[in-house]
Protein backbone atom coordinates (compact mmCIF):
# COMPACT_ATOMS: atom_id res chain seq x y z
CA UNK A 1 -0.24 -0.21 -0.28
CA UNK A 2 1.29 3.65 -1.00
CA UNK A 3 1.89 6.23 1.75
CA UNK A 4 -1.03 7.82 0.52
CA UNK A 5 -3.41 5.16 0.52
CA UNK A 6 -2.54 4.36 4.13
CA UNK A 7 -3.49 7.98 4.80
CA UNK A 8 -6.48 7.64 3.28
CA UNK A 9 -7.36 4.27 5.37
CA UNK A 10 -6.44 6.07 8.87
CA UNK A 11 -8.72 8.88 7.89
CA UNK A 12 -11.75 6.97 6.52
CA UNK A 13 -11.76 4.37 9.76
CA UNK A 14 -11.41 7.46 11.93
CA UNK A 15 -14.08 9.55 10.38
CA UNK A 16 -16.49 6.45 9.94
CA UNK A 17 -15.71 5.09 13.75
CA UNK A 18 -17.05 8.28 14.86
CA UNK A 19 -20.01 8.65 12.90
CA UNK A 20 -20.90 5.35 14.14
CA UNK A 21 -20.13 6.31 18.05
CA UNK A 22 -21.83 9.66 17.57
CA UNK A 23 -25.14 7.43 15.97
CA UNK A 24 -24.44 5.07 19.14
CA UNK A 25 -24.69 7.81 21.48
CA UNK A 26 -27.36 9.43 20.01
CA UNK A 27 -29.52 6.65 19.67
CA UNK A 28 -29.59 5.88 23.60
CA UNK A 29 -29.80 9.31 24.22
CA UNK A 30 -33.22 9.19 22.81
CA UNK A 31 -34.37 5.93 24.79
CA UNK A 32 -33.49 7.32 28.00
CA UNK A 33 -35.57 10.74 27.44
CA UNK A 34 -38.41 8.81 25.99
CA UNK A 35 -38.52 6.54 29.51
CA UNK A 36 -38.13 9.96 31.22
CA UNK A 37 -40.88 11.37 29.29
CA UNK A 38 -43.55 8.58 30.05
CA UNK A 39 -42.72 7.87 33.54
CA UNK A 40 -43.04 11.64 34.48
CA UNK A 41 -46.54 11.79 32.86
CA UNK A 42 -48.85 12.08 35.75
CA UNK A 43 -51.08 9.17 34.55
CA UNK A 44 -52.18 11.09 31.39
CA UNK A 45 -50.68 8.96 28.73
CA UNK A 46 -52.54 5.23 28.57
CA UNK A 47 -50.13 2.43 28.07
CA UNK A 48 -51.34 2.34 24.31
CA UNK A 49 -50.59 5.95 23.87
CA UNK A 50 -47.39 4.68 25.16
CA UNK A 51 -46.77 1.82 23.15
CA UNK A 52 -47.54 4.04 19.93
CA UNK A 53 -45.09 6.76 20.79
CA UNK A 54 -42.28 4.05 21.31
CA UNK A 55 -43.22 2.54 18.53
CA UNK A 56 -42.95 5.41 16.28
CA UNK A 57 -39.39 6.72 18.31
CA UNK A 58 -38.24 2.82 17.29
CA UNK A 59 -39.41 3.66 13.97
CA UNK A 60 -37.54 7.25 13.98
CA UNK A 61 -34.55 5.66 14.98
CA UNK A 62 -34.45 3.25 12.86
CA UNK A 63 -34.62 6.09 10.04
CA UNK A 64 -31.95 7.72 12.01
CA UNK A 65 -29.87 4.93 11.95
CA UNK A 66 -30.53 4.10 8.17
CA UNK A 67 -29.84 7.67 6.91
CA UNK A 68 -26.82 7.59 9.24
CA UNK A 69 -25.48 4.58 7.76
CA UNK A 70 -26.20 6.37 3.94
CA UNK A 71 -24.24 9.04 5.37
CA UNK A 72 -21.12 6.70 5.80
CA UNK A 73 -21.29 5.21 2.76
CA UNK A 74 -21.37 8.82 0.89
CA UNK A 75 -18.66 9.97 2.86
CA UNK A 76 -16.40 6.72 1.73
CA UNK A 77 -17.11 7.39 -1.62
CA UNK A 78 -15.91 10.82 -0.95
CA UNK A 79 -12.55 9.40 -0.10
CA UNK A 80 -12.08 6.93 -2.78
CA UNK A 81 -13.26 9.83 -5.35
CA UNK A 82 -10.85 12.22 -3.75
CA UNK A 83 -7.74 9.69 -3.71
CA UNK A 84 -8.35 9.35 -7.64
CA UNK A 85 -8.24 12.80 -8.04
CA UNK A 86 -5.65 14.77 -9.55
CA UNK A 87 -5.55 17.58 -6.78
CA UNK A 88 -4.59 14.40 -4.55
CA UNK A 89 -2.17 12.86 -6.29
CA UNK A 90 -0.73 16.56 -6.44
CA UNK A 91 -0.50 17.04 -2.77
CA UNK A 92 1.19 13.49 -2.49
CA UNK A 93 3.99 14.07 -5.18
CA UNK A 94 4.67 17.83 -3.46
CA UNK A 95 4.64 16.09 -0.28
CA UNK A 96 6.89 13.35 -1.74
CA UNK A 97 9.49 15.89 -3.35
CA UNK A 98 9.88 17.95 -0.11
CA UNK A 99 10.42 14.87 1.43
CA UNK A 100 13.21 13.77 -0.80
CA UNK A 101 14.47 17.53 -0.33
CA UNK A 102 14.50 17.69 3.56
CA UNK A 103 16.46 14.20 3.32
CA UNK A 104 19.32 14.83 0.76
CA UNK A 105 19.86 18.16 2.67
CA UNK A 106 19.88 15.85 5.81
CA UNK A 107 22.61 13.49 4.05
CA UNK A 108 24.77 16.48 2.89
CA UNK A 109 25.00 17.83 6.59
CA UNK A 110 25.74 14.42 7.88
CA UNK A 111 28.16 13.19 5.47
CA UNK A 112 30.92 15.38 6.27
CA UNK A 113 30.68 14.78 9.93
CA UNK A 114 33.03 13.04 12.49
CA UNK A 115 32.06 10.28 14.62
CA UNK A 116 31.21 11.91 17.59
CA UNK A 117 29.20 13.72 15.72
CA UNK A 118 27.43 11.14 14.09
CA UNK A 119 27.15 9.59 17.35
CA UNK A 120 25.55 12.71 18.90
CA UNK A 121 22.96 12.53 16.01
CA UNK A 122 21.88 9.08 15.98
CA UNK A 123 21.34 8.58 19.64
CA UNK A 124 19.98 12.38 20.49
CA UNK A 125 17.74 13.26 17.38
CA UNK A 126 14.04 13.28 17.89
CA UNK A 127 13.85 12.81 13.98
CA UNK A 128 13.68 9.31 12.99
CA UNK A 129 15.16 9.93 10.08
CA UNK A 130 18.10 11.90 10.86
CA UNK A 131 18.80 8.99 13.18
CA UNK A 132 18.31 6.63 10.55
CA UNK A 133 20.80 8.25 8.29
CA UNK A 134 23.30 9.13 10.76
CA UNK A 135 23.62 5.22 11.85
CA UNK A 136 24.11 4.61 8.41
CA UNK A 137 27.26 6.76 7.43
CA UNK A 138 28.23 5.45 10.91
CA UNK A 139 28.53 1.80 9.90
CA UNK A 140 29.00 2.35 6.29
CA UNK A 141 32.66 2.93 6.36
CA UNK A 142 34.73 2.29 9.63
CA UNK A 143 34.12 5.14 11.45
CA UNK A 144 31.92 3.42 14.10
CA UNK A 145 35.20 2.10 15.36
CA UNK A 146 36.71 5.48 16.28
CA UNK A 147 34.03 5.49 19.03
CA UNK A 148 34.58 5.00 22.50
CA UNK A 149 33.45 1.74 24.14
CA UNK A 150 30.85 3.21 25.91
CA UNK A 151 29.34 5.29 23.11
CA UNK A 152 29.41 1.75 21.37
CA UNK A 153 27.95 0.61 24.14
CA UNK A 154 24.74 3.17 24.33
CA UNK A 155 23.99 2.67 20.25
CA UNK A 156 24.33 -1.21 20.62
CA UNK A 157 21.60 -0.80 23.67
CA UNK A 158 19.59 1.80 21.57
CA UNK A 159 16.31 0.25 21.41
CA UNK A 160 15.40 0.39 17.32
CA UNK A 161 18.13 0.49 15.94
CA UNK A 162 19.06 -1.74 12.86
CA UNK A 163 20.64 -5.39 13.70
CA UNK A 164 23.02 -5.05 11.43
CA UNK A 165 24.62 -2.33 13.02
CA UNK A 166 24.04 -3.36 16.00
CA UNK A 167 25.89 -6.68 15.30
CA UNK A 168 29.26 -4.13 13.76
CA UNK A 169 28.98 -2.50 17.48
CA UNK A 170 28.86 -5.44 19.65
CA UNK A 171 31.42 -7.18 17.24
CA UNK A 172 34.29 -4.46 17.41
CA UNK A 173 33.79 -4.56 21.22
CA UNK A 174 34.26 -8.10 21.48
CA UNK A 175 37.73 -7.49 19.55
CA UNK A 176 38.46 -4.64 22.14
CA UNK A 177 37.81 -7.66 25.17
CA UNK A 178 35.05 -5.52 26.70
CA UNK A 179 33.67 -8.17 29.66
CA UNK A 180 30.21 -6.53 29.09
CA UNK A 181 29.89 -6.79 25.77
CA UNK A 182 31.09 -10.34 26.18
CA UNK A 183 28.22 -10.98 28.48
CA UNK A 184 25.70 -9.90 25.94
CA UNK A 185 26.71 -11.62 23.29
CA UNK A 186 26.55 -15.22 25.71
CA UNK A 187 22.93 -13.65 26.68
CA UNK A 188 22.36 -13.01 22.96
CA UNK A 189 23.57 -16.65 21.22
CA UNK A 190 21.41 -18.26 24.12
CA UNK A 191 18.48 -16.65 23.63
CA UNK A 192 17.64 -14.48 26.98
CA UNK A 193 18.98 -11.24 24.88
CA UNK A 194 15.78 -8.41 24.17
CA UNK A 195 16.51 -8.86 20.36
CA UNK A 196 19.13 -10.53 18.15
CA UNK A 197 21.13 -9.02 15.53
CA UNK A 198 20.73 -9.68 12.31
CA UNK A 199 23.22 -12.59 12.17
CA UNK A 200 24.84 -13.90 15.21
CA UNK A 201 27.45 -16.18 12.80
CA UNK A 202 30.41 -13.81 13.68
CA UNK A 203 29.08 -13.40 17.20
CA UNK A 204 29.63 -17.47 17.21
CA UNK A 205 33.47 -17.37 16.33
CA UNK A 206 34.38 -14.03 18.60
CA UNK A 207 32.54 -15.91 21.92
CA UNK A 208 34.68 -18.89 20.97
CA UNK A 209 37.69 -17.45 20.93
CA UNK A 210 36.95 -15.34 23.99
CA UNK A 211 35.74 -18.56 25.95
CA UNK A 212 35.69 -21.86 24.17
CA UNK A 213 34.80 -23.34 27.28
CA UNK A 214 31.73 -21.44 27.24
CA UNK A 215 31.11 -22.26 23.55
CA UNK A 216 31.46 -25.72 23.45
CA UNK A 217 29.16 -26.32 26.23
CA UNK A 218 26.58 -24.16 24.51
CA UNK A 219 27.01 -26.71 21.50
CA UNK A 220 26.60 -29.41 23.30
CA UNK A 221 22.66 -28.12 25.12
CA UNK A 222 21.63 -26.93 21.68
CA UNK A 223 18.85 -28.22 19.74
CA UNK A 224 18.47 -27.57 16.10
CA UNK A 225 15.60 -25.77 15.11
CA UNK A 226 14.32 -23.89 11.38
CA UNK A 227 15.50 -20.35 12.66
CA UNK A 228 18.05 -17.93 11.58
CA UNK A 229 19.88 -18.67 15.18
CA UNK A 230 20.34 -22.36 13.94
CA UNK A 231 21.29 -21.43 10.43
CA UNK A 232 23.96 -18.94 11.97
CA UNK A 233 25.12 -22.03 14.34
CA UNK A 234 25.13 -24.72 11.49
CA UNK A 235 27.78 -22.13 9.56
CA UNK A 236 29.99 -21.74 12.40
CA UNK A 237 30.02 -25.46 13.02
CA UNK A 238 31.05 -25.93 9.20
CA UNK A 239 34.68 -24.31 10.78
CA UNK A 240 34.66 -26.08 13.61
CA UNK A 241 34.84 -29.59 13.17
CA UNK A 242 35.72 -30.56 16.33
CA UNK A 243 32.43 -28.54 17.96
CA UNK A 244 30.18 -30.52 14.80
CA UNK A 245 30.39 -33.82 15.41
CA UNK A 246 28.31 -34.42 18.82
CA UNK A 247 25.99 -31.55 17.72
CA UNK A 248 25.25 -33.15 13.98
CA UNK A 249 25.19 -36.63 15.74
CA UNK A 250 22.52 -35.48 18.26
CA UNK A 251 20.37 -33.34 16.14
CA UNK A 252 20.76 -35.14 12.36
CA UNK A 253 17.04 -36.59 12.32
CA UNK A 254 15.78 -33.19 12.86
CA UNK A 255 17.86 -31.73 10.09
CA UNK A 256 16.78 -34.35 7.72
CA UNK A 257 12.81 -33.71 8.67
CA UNK A 258 13.32 -29.65 8.16
CA UNK A 259 10.52 -27.99 6.44
CA UNK A 260 12.93 -24.84 5.76
CA UNK A 261 15.14 -25.96 2.64
CA UNK A 262 17.34 -23.44 3.32
CA UNK A 263 18.95 -25.52 5.82
CA UNK A 264 20.50 -27.46 3.25
CA UNK A 265 21.92 -24.36 1.60
CA UNK A 266 25.02 -25.64 4.72
CA UNK A 267 26.83 -28.58 3.17
CA UNK A 268 28.24 -30.98 5.64
CA UNK A 269 32.02 -30.90 3.93
CA UNK A 270 34.81 -31.72 6.65
CA UNK A 271 32.41 -32.84 9.19
CA UNK A 272 34.82 -35.85 10.41
CA UNK A 273 33.03 -36.63 13.92
CA UNK A 274 30.23 -37.74 12.93
CA UNK A 275 28.72 -41.27 11.81
CA UNK A 276 25.47 -41.98 10.41
CA UNK A 277 23.11 -44.83 10.84
CA UNK A 278 21.69 -47.23 8.24
CA UNK A 279 18.31 -45.73 8.12
CA UNK A 280 19.96 -41.93 8.40
CA UNK A 281 21.92 -43.18 5.40
CA UNK A 282 19.29 -44.09 3.29
CA UNK A 283 17.53 -41.15 4.16
CA UNK A 284 20.50 -38.92 2.57
CA UNK A 285 20.55 -40.72 -0.18
CA UNK A 286 16.77 -40.48 -1.17
CA UNK A 287 17.77 -36.50 -0.86
CA UNK A 288 19.48 -36.87 -4.55
CA UNK A 289 15.88 -37.50 -5.96
CA UNK A 290 14.80 -34.37 -4.45
CA UNK A 291 13.93 -31.43 -7.33
CA UNK A 292 15.72 -28.89 -4.71
CA UNK A 293 19.36 -28.23 -5.84
CA UNK A 294 20.63 -27.67 -2.26
CA UNK A 295 19.17 -30.85 -0.80
CA UNK A 296 20.96 -32.50 -3.66
CA UNK A 297 24.25 -30.90 -2.91
CA UNK A 298 23.50 -31.53 0.72
CA UNK A 299 23.30 -35.10 0.16
CA UNK A 300 26.79 -34.99 -2.19
CA UNK A 301 28.68 -33.79 0.77
CA UNK A 302 27.94 -36.29 2.71
CA UNK A 303 28.90 -39.41 0.38
CA UNK A 304 32.14 -40.02 2.42
CA UNK A 305 29.85 -41.09 5.52
CA UNK A 306 27.64 -43.69 3.04
CA UNK A 307 28.85 -47.10 2.76
CA UNK A 308 25.43 -48.77 1.27
CA UNK A 309 27.12 -49.58 -1.84
CA UNK A 310 24.06 -50.16 -3.38
CA UNK A 311 22.13 -47.48 -1.87
CA UNK A 312 24.84 -45.07 -4.02
CA UNK A 313 23.88 -47.21 -7.08
CA UNK A 314 20.61 -46.44 -6.81
CA UNK A 315 21.28 -42.82 -5.84
CA UNK A 316 23.20 -42.16 -8.79
CA UNK A 317 20.76 -43.53 -11.50
CA UNK A 318 18.00 -41.34 -10.01
CA UNK A 319 20.08 -38.09 -11.04
CA UNK A 320 19.56 -36.64 -14.39
CA UNK A 321 21.56 -33.27 -14.66
CA UNK A 322 25.25 -34.18 -15.36
CA UNK A 323 26.73 -31.73 -12.96
CA UNK A 324 25.12 -33.77 -10.39
CA UNK A 325 26.47 -36.79 -11.83
CA UNK A 326 30.12 -35.30 -12.29
CA UNK A 327 29.63 -34.01 -8.31
CA UNK A 328 28.86 -37.14 -7.38
CA UNK A 329 31.62 -39.13 -9.27
CA UNK A 330 34.17 -36.85 -7.52
CA UNK A 331 33.00 -37.00 -4.53
CA UNK A 332 33.48 -40.96 -4.88
CA UNK A 333 36.72 -40.74 -6.10
CA UNK A 334 37.87 -38.54 -2.80
CA UNK A 335 36.51 -41.27 -0.34
CA UNK A 336 39.88 -41.89 0.71
CA UNK A 337 40.52 -45.47 1.67
CA UNK A 338 37.23 -46.89 0.93
CA UNK A 339 38.35 -49.11 -2.01
CA UNK A 340 34.63 -50.32 -2.82
CA UNK A 341 33.56 -46.73 -3.17
CA UNK A 342 36.83 -45.85 -5.37
CA UNK A 343 35.44 -48.45 -7.21
CA UNK A 344 32.02 -47.36 -7.38
CA UNK A 345 33.25 -44.01 -8.98
CA UNK A 346 35.71 -45.25 -11.19
CA UNK A 347 33.02 -47.41 -12.69
CA UNK A 348 30.52 -44.16 -12.75
CA UNK A 349 33.38 -42.17 -14.35
CA UNK A 350 34.39 -44.84 -17.74
CA UNK A 351 30.44 -45.17 -18.61
CA UNK A 352 30.21 -41.19 -18.57
CA UNK A 353 29.54 -39.22 -21.90
CA UNK A 354 32.23 -36.47 -20.96
CA UNK A 355 35.58 -37.69 -22.10
CA UNK A 356 37.03 -35.01 -19.12
CA UNK A 357 35.03 -37.32 -16.66
CA UNK A 358 35.93 -40.30 -18.32
CA UNK A 359 39.62 -39.78 -17.67
CA UNK A 360 38.88 -39.18 -13.95
CA UNK A 361 38.87 -43.44 -13.98
CA UNK A 362 42.26 -43.40 -14.56
CA UNK A 363 43.82 -40.54 -12.40
CA UNK A 364 42.83 -42.73 -9.16
């Protein structure tokens, strides 16, 4: 929805709600007056006359409500007609032009500010656009690294600041061995922080560098889930095989059943300390039939862990794309001391339609 449509919607809803409220109050105000009139008459009105009076007032009230409903419909139509008019379009165009001009003026002023000046604007300005643009100027280069630890902590703690910017502030504080920042980082990845940064991958690495025992314990206690936080941890573990084994062994079935295909973007290359059960090996080979290339690549990264030769034959037979077949053969040929898989790789290579792949059969 465009800005002017949002403005129109808000105005319309408020106007209609106010009309409804006035109708509601007016309707019950009339009923109250009717009761008082009948009760205050010293017996001069008979019951039947009072009933007729009530019927007439009910009829009048219904007519009044119908009229007010029509007024609402007319008002809505007037708003719709106005929003389609050239006059309204001109108002919105002028507002956008002035807004762009104001932002350009703010940007031109901020670009020449030093780190401390930008900090003052980002932390103290009451103009949301100005705060956001000052934060942008601070983080696009390395100006924010010129700020003191206390100022970086202030920006990190400021509600509403961009997650990516907060991640940079926290990362810099960790590089400076700030003990309070290390505590924040630990709270962040354990889920006790108010909000996460846009990515915690760098934070995982920094914590492991400062406190490896804490990270080992955290990985040992963490369960996989379909969240960005798990993705960050998953990626971090690719670079730390010693930590990865226990985590993937414990969570492997959950990973295979994940409904979020993005998790399969992360391969399992180099994860030495993991062994797959017979069922898990079969489940992995089924991924080769997937229409999702990430799942096929994920399965390929685990060929080294699959000992079932017949399952591997079936998986290769189900591949349709030449690049998938070539990647499969390459993984088999690099299976190390497993002679059965090496022989299978040579067999597939020799029968390939690609002369370059055929030559691989003689290279191993």
